Protein backbone atom coordinates (compact mmCIF):
# COMPACT_ATOMS: atom_id res chain seq x y z
CA MET A 1 67.28 90.37 90.34
CA SER A 2 70.55 90.88 92.02
CA HIS A 3 70.83 90.47 95.93
CA HIS A 4 73.62 92.54 97.53
CA LEU A 5 75.07 90.71 100.41
CA TYR A 6 76.51 92.72 103.24
CA ALA A 7 79.94 91.33 102.77
CA GLU A 8 80.07 93.42 99.57
CA ASP A 9 79.55 96.80 100.99
CA PRO A 10 81.87 98.08 103.87
CA GLU A 11 79.20 99.88 105.70
CA PRO A 12 75.79 98.52 104.57
CA ALA A 13 74.12 98.33 108.04
CA ASP A 14 76.72 100.47 110.08
CA ARG A 15 75.75 103.84 111.50
CA VAL A 16 79.50 104.95 111.04
CA PRO A 17 81.59 105.19 108.15
CA ALA A 18 84.18 102.40 107.32
CA GLY A 19 87.86 103.45 107.47
CA PRO A 20 89.41 106.63 108.71
CA LEU A 21 88.08 110.01 108.75
CA PHE A 22 89.19 113.55 107.88
CA VAL A 23 88.85 115.69 111.10
CA PRO A 24 89.32 119.27 111.12
CA VAL A 25 91.85 120.61 113.64
CA ARG A 26 93.18 123.67 115.02
CA SER A 27 96.45 124.39 116.56
CA GLY A 28 96.78 124.79 120.27
CA PRO A 29 99.42 124.90 122.98
CA ALA A 30 99.80 121.19 123.09
CA GLY A 31 99.81 120.79 119.22
CA CYS A 32 96.56 120.04 117.09
CA THR A 33 93.04 119.53 118.69
CA ALA A 34 89.84 118.47 116.99
CA ARG A 35 87.85 121.51 116.33
CA LEU A 36 84.32 121.16 118.18
CA PHE A 37 81.11 122.57 116.85
CA ARG A 38 77.43 123.22 118.23
CA THR A 39 74.45 121.41 117.10
CA PRO A 40 71.16 123.59 116.59
CA LEU A 41 70.18 122.94 120.24
CA GLY A 42 73.49 123.95 121.58
CA GLY A 43 75.20 120.68 122.39
CA ARG A 44 78.97 120.00 121.39
CA THR A 45 79.68 117.99 118.48
CA VAL A 46 82.81 116.88 116.89
CA VAL A 47 82.71 116.87 113.09
CA ALA A 48 84.65 114.37 110.38
CA PHE A 49 84.37 114.04 106.76
CA THR A 50 84.63 111.05 104.65
CA SER A 51 87.01 112.82 102.08
CA PRO A 52 89.47 115.70 101.87
CA GLN A 53 87.27 117.15 99.31
CA ARG A 54 84.07 117.08 101.44
CA LEU A 55 86.12 118.88 104.19
CA ALA A 56 87.40 121.64 102.02
CA ALA A 57 83.79 122.14 100.46
CA ALA A 58 82.39 122.57 103.99
CA LEU A 59 85.45 124.58 105.79
CA GLY A 60 87.67 125.69 103.06
CA GLY A 61 90.70 124.42 101.43
CA GLY A 62 93.17 126.00 104.11
CA GLN A 63 91.47 124.01 106.98
CA PRO A 64 94.12 121.69 108.74
CA TRP A 65 93.02 118.18 109.16
CA VAL A 66 94.17 114.91 110.55
CA ARG A 67 93.10 111.33 109.62
CA LEU A 68 91.40 109.34 112.75
CA SER A 69 89.34 106.33 113.07
CA GLU A 70 85.88 106.94 114.31
CA PRO A 71 86.51 105.14 117.84
CA ALA A 72 89.76 107.19 118.23
CA LEU A 73 87.83 110.42 117.46
CA ARG A 74 85.14 109.61 119.93
CA ALA A 75 87.58 108.74 122.70
CA LEU A 76 89.39 112.01 122.17
CA ALA A 77 85.88 114.07 122.06
CA GLU A 78 84.19 112.59 124.81
CA PRO A 79 86.42 113.65 127.87
CA VAL A 80 85.46 117.39 126.77
CA GLY A 81 81.83 116.79 126.53
CA ALA A 82 81.33 116.10 122.67
CA THR A 83 79.47 112.83 122.72
CA VAL A 84 78.15 113.42 119.20
CA LEU A 85 79.83 112.64 116.00
CA THR A 86 78.49 114.56 112.77
CA VAL A 87 79.84 112.98 109.66
CA ASP A 88 79.84 115.29 106.44
CA PRO A 89 77.98 117.98 107.78
CA ARG A 90 77.00 121.10 105.47
CA PHE A 91 77.76 124.33 106.80
CA ILE A 92 76.08 127.64 106.11
CA PRO A 93 76.96 131.22 107.02
CA ASP A 94 76.21 132.72 110.33
CA ILE A 95 73.21 134.48 109.35
CA SER A 96 71.11 131.28 108.66
CA ARG A 97 72.16 129.29 111.92
CA GLY A 98 68.54 128.17 112.47
CA HIS A 99 68.97 124.29 111.75
CA HIS A 100 72.71 123.81 110.88
CA LEU A 101 75.96 123.31 112.75
CA ARG A 102 78.10 126.05 113.91
CA ALA A 103 81.69 126.53 115.04
CA ALA A 104 81.78 126.41 119.01
């Protein structure tokens, strides 16, 4: 039986992914800003993806993005009230919002 040590896996016990995240952005007067979304309970969340393919699958291939570390993304989102980070969410059409994220 093989025992895996934590050193073999970059994120075995971490709650956040290792490495930079792919963050959807939109153009604004000051340049790019991270897109914020709403949780099912109405709270603000910032989303990020672990690959550009996952981002494109959720938001479409034309969605602009930037790469940011998890601490940098949290530091940018916190002042605007988004204290929750959602990684690799799955989005669904607006007609079925019940238990999924939606764009803010």
